[in-house]
PDB file of N, CA and C in Angstrom:
ATOM      1  N   UNK A   1     227.096  80.042  89.719  1.00  0.00           N
ATOM      2  CA  UNK A   1     226.308  79.613  88.585  1.00  0.00           C
ATOM      3  C   UNK A   1     226.225  78.076  88.604  1.00  0.00           C
ATOM      4  N   UNK A   2     225.015  77.534  88.379  1.00  0.00           N
ATOM      5  CA  UNK A   2     224.834  76.083  88.400  1.00  0.00           C
ATOM      6  C   UNK A   2     225.117  75.488  87.017  1.00  0.00           C
ATOM      7  N   UNK A   3     225.211  74.172  86.983  1.00  0.00           N
ATOM      8  CA  UNK A   3     225.476  73.467  85.730  1.00  0.00           C
ATOM      9  C   UNK A   3     224.328  73.684  84.751  1.00  0.00           C
ATOM     10  N   UNK A   4     223.096  73.669  85.232  1.00  0.00           N
ATOM     11  CA  UNK A   4     221.936  73.861  84.367  1.00  0.00           C
ATOM     12  C   UNK A   4     221.949  75.232  83.693  1.00  0.00           C
ATOM     13  N   UNK A   5     222.475  76.211  84.360  1.00  0.00           N
ATOM     14  CA  UNK A   5     222.518  77.559  83.796  1.00  0.00           C
ATOM     15  C   UNK A   5     223.605  77.712  82.729  1.00  0.00           C
ATOM     16  N   UNK A   6     224.644  76.900  82.798  1.00  0.00           N
ATOM     17  CA  UNK A   6     225.743  77.037  81.848  1.00  0.00           C
ATOM     18  C   UNK A   6     225.593  76.150  80.616  1.00  0.00           C
ATOM     19  N   UNK A   7     224.733  75.152  80.678  1.00  0.00           N
ATOM     20  CA  UNK A   7     224.541  74.268  79.531  1.00  0.00           C
ATOM     21  C   UNK A   7     223.565  74.873  78.535  1.00  0.00           C
ATOM     22  N   UNK A   8     223.853  74.673  77.272  1.00  0.00           N
ATOM     23  CA  UNK A   8     222.961  75.152  76.215  1.00  0.00           C
ATOM     24  C   UNK A   8     222.993  74.162  75.058  1.00  0.00           C
ATOM     25  N   UNK A   9     221.860  73.975  74.433  1.00  0.00           N
ATOM     26  CA  UNK A   9     221.790  73.119  73.252  1.00  0.00           C
ATOM     27  C   UNK A   9     222.188  73.960  72.054  1.00  0.00           C
ATOM     28  N   UNK A  10     223.220  73.511  71.355  1.00  0.00           N
ATOM     29  CA  UNK A  10     223.691  74.282  70.206  1.00  0.00           C
ATOM     30  C   UNK A  10     223.146  73.759  68.888  1.00  0.00           C
ATOM     31  N   UNK A  11     222.814  72.481  68.846  1.00  0.00           N
ATOM     32  CA  UNK A  11     222.222  71.929  67.630  1.00  0.00           C
ATOM     33  C   UNK A  11     221.484  70.644  67.978  1.00  0.00           C
ATOM     34  N   UNK A  12     220.570  70.299  67.120  1.00  0.00           N
ATOM     35  CA  UNK A  12     219.863  69.026  67.290  1.00  0.00           C
ATOM     36  C   UNK A  12     219.860  68.315  65.951  1.00  0.00           C
ATOM     37  N   UNK A  13     220.360  67.113  65.950  1.00  0.00           N
ATOM     38  CA  UNK A  13     220.427  66.311  64.735  1.00  0.00           C
ATOM     39  C   UNK A  13     219.402  65.195  64.839  1.00  0.00           C
ATOM     40  N   UNK A  14     218.448  65.229  63.937  1.00  0.00           N
ATOM     41  CA  UNK A  14     217.427  64.201  63.900  1.00  0.00           C
ATOM     42  C   UNK A  14     217.647  63.331  62.685  1.00  0.00           C
ATOM     43  N   UNK A  15     217.444  62.055  62.849  1.00  0.00           N
ATOM     44  CA  UNK A  15     217.574  61.127  61.731  1.00  0.00           C
ATOM     45  C   UNK A  15     216.247  61.101  60.991  1.00  0.00           C
ATOM     46  N   UNK A  16     216.100  61.953  59.995  1.00  0.00           N
ATOM     47  CA  UNK A  16     214.851  62.041  59.244  1.00  0.00           C
ATOM     48  C   UNK A  16     214.832  61.116  58.036  1.00  0.00           C
ATOM     49  N   UNK A  17     215.940  60.471  57.752  1.00  0.00           N
ATOM     50  CA  UNK A  17     216.004  59.574  56.600  1.00  0.00           C
ATOM     51  C   UNK A  17     216.042  58.124  57.070  1.00  0.00           C
ATOM     52  N   UNK A  18     215.113  57.781  57.933  1.00  0.00           N
ATOM     53  CA  UNK A  18     215.057  56.423  58.459  1.00  0.00           C
ATOM     54  C   UNK A  18     214.440  55.492  57.427  1.00  0.00           C
ATOM     55  N   UNK A  19     214.897  54.262  57.421  1.00  0.00           N
ATOM     56  CA  UNK A  19     214.284  53.263  56.556  1.00  0.00           C
ATOM     57  C   UNK A  19     213.406  52.317  57.355  1.00  0.00           C
ATOM     58  N   UNK A  20     213.418  52.439  58.666  1.00  0.00           N
ATOM     59  CA  UNK A  20     212.571  51.630  59.525  1.00  0.00           C
ATOM     60  C   UNK A  20     211.307  52.435  59.813  1.00  0.00           C
ATOM     61  N   UNK A  21     210.168  51.924  59.394  1.00  0.00           N
ATOM     62  CA  UNK A  21     208.935  52.691  59.508  1.00  0.00           C
ATOM     63  C   UNK A  21     208.029  52.184  60.619  1.00  0.00           C
ATOM     64  N   UNK A  22     208.622  51.525  61.622  1.00  0.00           N
ATOM     65  CA  UNK A  22     207.820  51.018  62.730  1.00  0.00           C
ATOM     66  C   UNK A  22     207.142  52.136  63.519  1.00  0.00           C
ATOM     67  N   UNK A  23     207.713  53.316  63.500  1.00  0.00           N
ATOM     68  CA  UNK A  23     207.089  54.425  64.207  1.00  0.00           C
ATOM     69  C   UNK A  23     205.957  55.062  63.399  1.00  0.00           C
ATOM     70  N   UNK A  24     205.815  54.706  62.128  1.00  0.00           N
ATOM     71  CA  UNK A  24     204.754  55.246  61.274  1.00  0.00           C
ATOM     72  C   UNK A  24     203.659  54.213  61.042  1.00  0.00           C
ATOM     73  N   UNK A  25     204.057  52.981  60.774  1.00  0.00           N
ATOM     74  CA  UNK A  25     203.094  51.935  60.428  1.00  0.00           C
ATOM     75  C   UNK A  25     203.036  50.891  61.532  1.00  0.00           C
ATOM     76  N   UNK A  26     201.815  50.577  61.949  1.00  0.00           N
ATOM     77  CA  UNK A  26     201.603  49.495  62.896  1.00  0.00           C
ATOM     78  C   UNK A  26     200.415  48.669  62.424  1.00  0.00           C
ATOM     79  N   UNK A  27     199.957  47.729  63.235  1.00  0.00           N
ATOM     80  CA  UNK A  27     198.889  46.827  62.790  1.00  0.00           C
ATOM     81  C   UNK A  27     197.540  47.523  62.648  1.00  0.00           C
ATOM     82  N   UNK A  28     197.401  48.740  63.158  1.00  0.00           N
ATOM     83  CA  UNK A  28     196.137  49.474  63.068  1.00  0.00           C
ATOM     84  C   UNK A  28     196.128  50.536  61.971  1.00  0.00           C
ATOM     85  N   UNK A  29     197.257  50.776  61.343  1.00  0.00           N
ATOM     86  CA  UNK A  29     197.366  51.848  60.351  1.00  0.00           C
ATOM     87  C   UNK A  29     196.374  51.680  59.214  1.00  0.00           C
ATOM     88  N   UNK A  30     196.194  50.472  58.737  1.00  0.00           N
ATOM     89  CA  UNK A  30     195.313  50.266  57.582  1.00  0.00           C
ATOM     90  C   UNK A  30     193.839  50.513  57.896  1.00  0.00           C
ATOM     91  N   UNK A  31     193.498  50.622  59.174  1.00  0.00           N
ATOM     92  CA  UNK A  31     192.114  50.885  59.565  1.00  0.00           C
ATOM     93  C   UNK A  31     191.836  52.370  59.796  1.00  0.00           C
ATOM     94  N   UNK A  32     192.837  53.215  59.601  1.00  0.00           N
ATOM     95  CA  UNK A  32     192.689  54.653  59.839  1.00  0.00           C
ATOM     96  C   UNK A  32     191.942  55.295  58.669  1.00  0.00           C
ATOM     97  N   UNK A  33     190.724  55.777  58.890  1.00  0.00           N
ATOM     98  CA  UNK A  33     189.946  56.356  57.786  1.00  0.00           C
ATOM     99  C   UNK A  33     190.445  57.721  57.323  1.00  0.00           C
ATOM    100  N   UNK A  34     191.358  58.332  58.065  1.00  0.00           N
ATOM    101  CA  UNK A  34     191.848  59.659  57.690  1.00  0.00           C
ATOM    102  C   UNK A  34     193.009  59.606  56.702  1.00  0.00           C
ATOM    103  N   UNK A  35     193.585  58.431  56.478  1.00  0.00           N
ATOM    104  CA  UNK A  35     194.715  58.314  55.554  1.00  0.00           C
ATOM    105  C   UNK A  35     194.218  58.184  54.122  1.00  0.00           C
ATOM    106  N   UNK A  36     194.899  58.831  53.181  1.00  0.00           N
ATOM    107  CA  UNK A  36     194.475  58.744  51.771  1.00  0.00           C
ATOM    108  C   UNK A  36     194.734  57.356  51.199  1.00  0.00           C
ATOM    109  N   UNK A  37     193.819  56.924  50.330  1.00  0.00           N
ATOM    110  CA  UNK A  37     193.912  55.601  49.707  1.00  0.00           C
ATOM    111  C   UNK A  37     193.718  55.723  48.207  1.00  0.00           C
ATOM    112  N   UNK A  38     194.393  54.848  47.486  1.00  0.00           N
ATOM    113  CA  UNK A  38     194.197  54.731  46.041  1.00  0.00           C
ATOM    114  C   UNK A  38     194.057  53.248  45.715  1.00  0.00           C
ATOM    115  N   UNK A  39     193.454  52.940  44.569  1.00  0.00           N
ATOM    116  CA  UNK A  39     193.336  51.533  44.188  1.00  0.00           C
ATOM    117  C   UNK A  39     193.915  51.266  42.797  1.00  0.00           C
ATOM    118  N   UNK A  40     194.678  52.197  42.268  1.00  0.00           N
ATOM    119  CA  UNK A  40     195.281  52.000  40.945  1.00  0.00           C
ATOM    120  C   UNK A  40     196.768  51.649  41.019  1.00  0.00           C
ATOM    121  N   UNK A  41     197.342  51.576  42.212  1.00  0.00           N
ATOM    122  CA  UNK A  41     198.728  51.148  42.379  1.00  0.00           C
ATOM    123  C   UNK A  41     198.711  49.660  42.699  1.00  0.00           C
ATOM    124  N   UNK A  42     199.558  48.893  42.011  1.00  0.00           N
ATOM    125  CA  UNK A  42     199.630  47.452  42.261  1.00  0.00           C
ATOM    126  C   UNK A  42     200.598  47.167  43.397  1.00  0.00           C
ATOM    127  N   UNK A  43     200.227  46.227  44.223  1.00  0.00           N
ATOM    128  CA  UNK A  43     201.096  45.776  45.303  1.00  0.00           C
ATOM    129  C   UNK A  43     202.271  45.003  44.701  1.00  0.00           C
ATOM    130  N   UNK A  44     203.507  45.265  45.146  1.00  0.00           N
ATOM    131  CA  UNK A  44     204.657  44.545  44.599  1.00  0.00           C
ATOM    132  C   UNK A  44     204.787  43.107  45.109  1.00  0.00           C
ATOM    133  N   UNK A  45     203.984  42.736  46.096  1.00  0.00           N
ATOM    134  CA  UNK A  45     204.015  41.381  46.643  1.00  0.00           C
ATOM    135  C   UNK A  45     203.173  40.465  45.758  1.00  0.00           C
ATOM    136  N   UNK A  46     203.815  39.545  45.048  1.00  0.00           N
ATOM    137  CA  UNK A  46     203.079  38.656  44.141  1.00  0.00           C
ATOM    138  C   UNK A  46     202.241  37.627  44.885  1.00  0.00           C
ATOM    139  N   UNK A  47     202.456  37.475  46.184  1.00  0.00           N
ATOM    140  CA  UNK A  47     201.641  36.567  47.001  1.00  0.00           C
ATOM    141  C   UNK A  47     200.424  37.280  47.587  1.00  0.00           C
ATOM    142  N   UNK A  48     200.247  38.533  47.261  1.00  0.00           N
ATOM    143  CA  UNK A  48     199.130  39.334  47.773  1.00  0.00           C
ATOM    144  C   UNK A  48     197.805  38.766  47.255  1.00  0.00           C
ATOM    145  N   UNK A  49     196.761  38.766  48.077  1.00  0.00           N
ATOM    146  CA  UNK A  49     195.448  38.283  47.626  1.00  0.00           C
ATOM    147  C   UNK A  49     194.907  39.032  46.410  1.00  0.00           C
ATOM    148  N   UNK A  50     195.369  40.234  46.158  1.00  0.00           N
ATOM    149  CA  UNK A  50     194.879  40.998  45.007  1.00  0.00           C
ATOM    150  C   UNK A  50     195.324  40.384  43.680  1.00  0.00           C
ATOM    151  N   UNK A  51     196.318  39.516  43.695  1.00  0.00           N
ATOM    152  CA  UNK A  51     196.796  38.875  42.470  1.00  0.00           C
ATOM    153  C   UNK A  51     195.995  37.630  42.099  1.00  0.00           C
ATOM    154  N   UNK A  52     195.161  37.149  42.990  1.00  0.00           N
ATOM    155  CA  UNK A  52     194.368  35.949  42.699  1.00  0.00           C
ATOM    156  C   UNK A  52     193.328  36.268  41.638  1.00  0.00           C
ATOM    157  N   UNK A  53     193.139  35.364  40.707  1.00  0.00           N
ATOM    158  CA  UNK A  53     192.231  35.607  39.580  1.00  0.00           C
ATOM    159  C   UNK A  53     190.770  35.680  40.016  1.00  0.00           C
ATOM    160  N   UNK A  54     190.417  35.007  41.121  1.00  0.00           N
ATOM    161  CA  UNK A  54     189.029  35.033  41.569  1.00  0.00           C
ATOM    162  C   UNK A  54     188.718  36.230  42.466  1.00  0.00           C
ATOM    163  N   UNK A  55     189.719  37.051  42.727  1.00  0.00           N
ATOM    164  CA  UNK A  55     189.521  38.227  43.570  1.00  0.00           C
ATOM    165  C   UNK A  55     189.038  39.387  42.705  1.00  0.00           C
ATOM    166  N   UNK A  56     187.781  39.761  42.877  1.00  0.00           N
ATOM    167  CA  UNK A  56     187.215  40.862  42.088  1.00  0.00           C
ATOM    168  C   UNK A  56     187.436  42.211  42.757  1.00  0.00           C
ATOM    169  N   UNK A  57     187.794  42.191  44.031  1.00  0.00           N
ATOM    170  CA  UNK A  57     188.019  43.433  44.764  1.00  0.00           C
ATOM    171  C   UNK A  57     189.435  43.932  44.526  1.00  0.00           C
ATOM    172  N   UNK A  58     189.567  45.235  44.360  1.00  0.00           N
ATOM    173  CA  UNK A  58     190.896  45.828  44.265  1.00  0.00           C
ATOM    174  C   UNK A  58     191.350  46.192  45.674  1.00  0.00           C
ATOM    175  N   UNK A  59     192.622  45.997  45.922  1.00  0.00           N
ATOM    176  CA  UNK A  59     193.166  46.400  47.213  1.00  0.00           C
ATOM    177  C   UNK A  59     193.347  47.902  47.257  1.00  0.00           C
ATOM    178  N   UNK A  60     193.157  48.446  48.425  1.00  0.00           N
ATOM    179  CA  UNK A  60     193.480  49.847  48.628  1.00  0.00           C
ATOM    180  C   UNK A  60     194.940  49.943  49.042  1.00  0.00           C
ATOM    181  N   UNK A  61     195.605  50.944  48.522  1.00  0.00           N
ATOM    182  CA  UNK A  61     196.984  51.229  48.897  1.00  0.00           C
ATOM    183  C   UNK A  61     196.973  52.560  49.636  1.00  0.00           C
ATOM    184  N   UNK A  62     197.445  52.537  50.873  1.00  0.00           N
ATOM    185  CA  UNK A  62     197.578  53.767  51.652  1.00  0.00           C
ATOM    186  C   UNK A  62     198.902  54.420  51.297  1.00  0.00           C
ATOM    187  N   UNK A  63     198.919  55.735  51.307  1.00  0.00           N
ATOM    188  CA  UNK A  63     200.195  56.419  51.126  1.00  0.00           C
ATOM    189  C   UNK A  63     200.347  57.466  52.210  1.00  0.00           C
ATOM    190  N   UNK A  64     201.529  57.438  52.841  1.00  0.00           N
ATOM    191  CA  UNK A  64     201.813  58.297  53.985  1.00  0.00           C
ATOM    192  C   UNK A  64     203.108  59.041  53.699  1.00  0.00           C
ATOM    193  N   UNK A  65     203.060  60.358  53.782  1.00  0.00           N
ATOM    194  CA  UNK A  65     204.274  61.154  53.552  1.00  0.00           C
ATOM    195  C   UNK A  65     205.141  61.077  54.804  1.00  0.00           C
ATOM    196  N   UNK A  66     206.394  60.649  54.628  1.00  0.00           N
ATOM    197  CA  UNK A  66     207.305  60.552  55.764  1.00  0.00           C
ATOM    198  C   UNK A  66     208.431  61.573  55.704  1.00  0.00           C
ATOM    199  N   UNK A  67     208.578  62.280  54.610  1.00  0.00           N
ATOM    200  CA  UNK A  67     209.586  63.333  54.498  1.00  0.00           C
ATOM    201  C   UNK A  67     208.911  64.557  53.902  1.00  0.00           C
ATOM    202  N   UNK A  68     208.685  65.541  54.731  1.00  0.00           N
ATOM    203  CA  UNK A  68     207.966  66.745  54.309  1.00  0.00           C
ATOM    204  C   UNK A  68     208.750  67.558  53.279  1.00  0.00           C
ATOM    205  N   UNK A  69     210.049  67.636  53.434  1.00  0.00           N
ATOM    206  CA  UNK A  69     210.856  68.476  52.539  1.00  0.00           C
ATOM    207  C   UNK A  69     211.037  67.858  51.158  1.00  0.00           C
ATOM    208  N   UNK A  70     211.283  66.566  51.103  1.00  0.00           N
ATOM    209  CA  UNK A  70     211.532  65.908  49.819  1.00  0.00           C
ATOM    210  C   UNK A  70     210.284  65.231  49.266  1.00  0.00           C
ATOM    211  N   UNK A  71     209.168  65.367  49.972  1.00  0.00           N
ATOM    212  CA  UNK A  71     207.883  64.791  49.540  1.00  0.00           C
ATOM    213  C   UNK A  71     208.013  63.293  49.262  1.00  0.00           C
ATOM    214  N   UNK A  72     208.589  62.554  50.196  1.00  0.00           N
ATOM    215  CA  UNK A  72     208.736  61.108  50.048  1.00  0.00           C
ATOM    216  C   UNK A  72     207.578  60.413  50.749  1.00  0.00           C
ATOM    217  N   UNK A  73     207.109  59.331  50.129  1.00  0.00           N
ATOM    218  CA  UNK A  73     205.964  58.596  50.649  1.00  0.00           C
ATOM    219  C   UNK A  73     206.326  57.148  50.922  1.00  0.00           C
ATOM    220  N   UNK A  74     205.620  56.560  51.876  1.00  0.00           N
ATOM    221  CA  UNK A  74     205.654  55.123  52.090  1.00  0.00           C
ATOM    222  C   UNK A  74     204.264  54.617  51.737  1.00  0.00           C
ATOM    223  N   UNK A  75     204.210  53.451  51.119  1.00  0.00           N
ATOM    224  CA  UNK A  75     202.945  52.868  50.675  1.00  0.00           C
ATOM    225  C   UNK A  75     202.670  51.605  51.481  1.00  0.00           C
ATOM    226  N   UNK A  76     201.401  51.347  51.760  1.00  0.00           N
ATOM    227  CA  UNK A  76     200.993  50.180  52.531  1.00  0.00           C
ATOM    228  C   UNK A  76     199.814  49.517  51.848  1.00  0.00           C
ATOM    229  N   UNK A  77     199.967  48.244  51.513  1.00  0.00           N
ATOM    230  CA  UNK A  77     198.880  47.473  50.905  1.00  0.00           C
ATOM    231  C   UNK A  77     197.955  46.990  52.018  1.00  0.00           C
ATOM    232  N   UNK A  78     196.669  47.244  51.880  1.00  0.00           N
ATOM    233  CA  UNK A  78     195.721  46.813  52.905  1.00  0.00           C
ATOM    234  C   UNK A  78     195.375  45.338  52.780  1.00  0.00           C
ATOM    235  N   UNK A  79     195.730  44.713  51.672  1.00  0.00           N
ATOM    236  CA  UNK A  79     195.433  43.300  51.480  1.00  0.00           C
ATOM    237  C   UNK A  79     196.435  42.375  52.146  1.00  0.00           C
ATOM    238  N   UNK A  80     197.720  42.723  52.052  1.00  0.00           N
ATOM    239  CA  UNK A  80     198.757  41.837  52.595  1.00  0.00           C
ATOM    240  C   UNK A  80     199.657  42.528  53.619  1.00  0.00           C
ATOM    241  N   UNK A  81     199.419  43.798  53.893  1.00  0.00           N
ATOM    242  CA  UNK A  81     200.181  44.583  54.877  1.00  0.00           C
ATOM    243  C   UNK A  81     201.640  44.807  54.482  1.00  0.00           C
ATOM    244  N   UNK A  82     201.949  44.708  53.216  1.00  0.00           N
ATOM    245  CA  UNK A  82     203.310  44.990  52.773  1.00  0.00           C
ATOM    246  C   UNK A  82     203.496  46.497  52.650  1.00  0.00           C
ATOM    247  N   UNK A  83     204.641  46.980  53.140  1.00  0.00           N
ATOM    248  CA  UNK A  83     204.972  48.401  53.043  1.00  0.00           C
ATOM    249  C   UNK A  83     206.210  48.562  52.169  1.00  0.00           C
ATOM    250  N   UNK A  84     206.229  49.625  51.373  1.00  0.00           N
ATOM    251  CA  UNK A  84     207.377  49.904  50.506  1.00  0.00           C
ATOM    252  C   UNK A  84     207.459  51.394  50.246  1.00  0.00           C
ATOM    253  N   UNK A  85     208.642  51.799  49.747  1.00  0.00           N
ATOM    254  CA  UNK A  85     208.863  53.208  49.406  1.00  0.00           C
ATOM    255  C   UNK A  85     208.746  53.392  47.922  1.00  0.00           C
TER     256      UNK A  85
END
């Protein structure tokens, strides 16, 4: 019997509670037309262009579900590229 025949995977542990979202969000994410957007959530970044008084446009906030079981979302501001949970 060879080593390959005797080895078996008994469990797989995946880190599904990551706080680093580099694998979800990149510099092109905000241009994806298939992602849902809302404009009633305020960006938490006070330096965001949406906070300027002369800005009449509302920023779109993308929301991406990153945990299917607990229904957790990450949000991305299209104005300043800030991401938060």
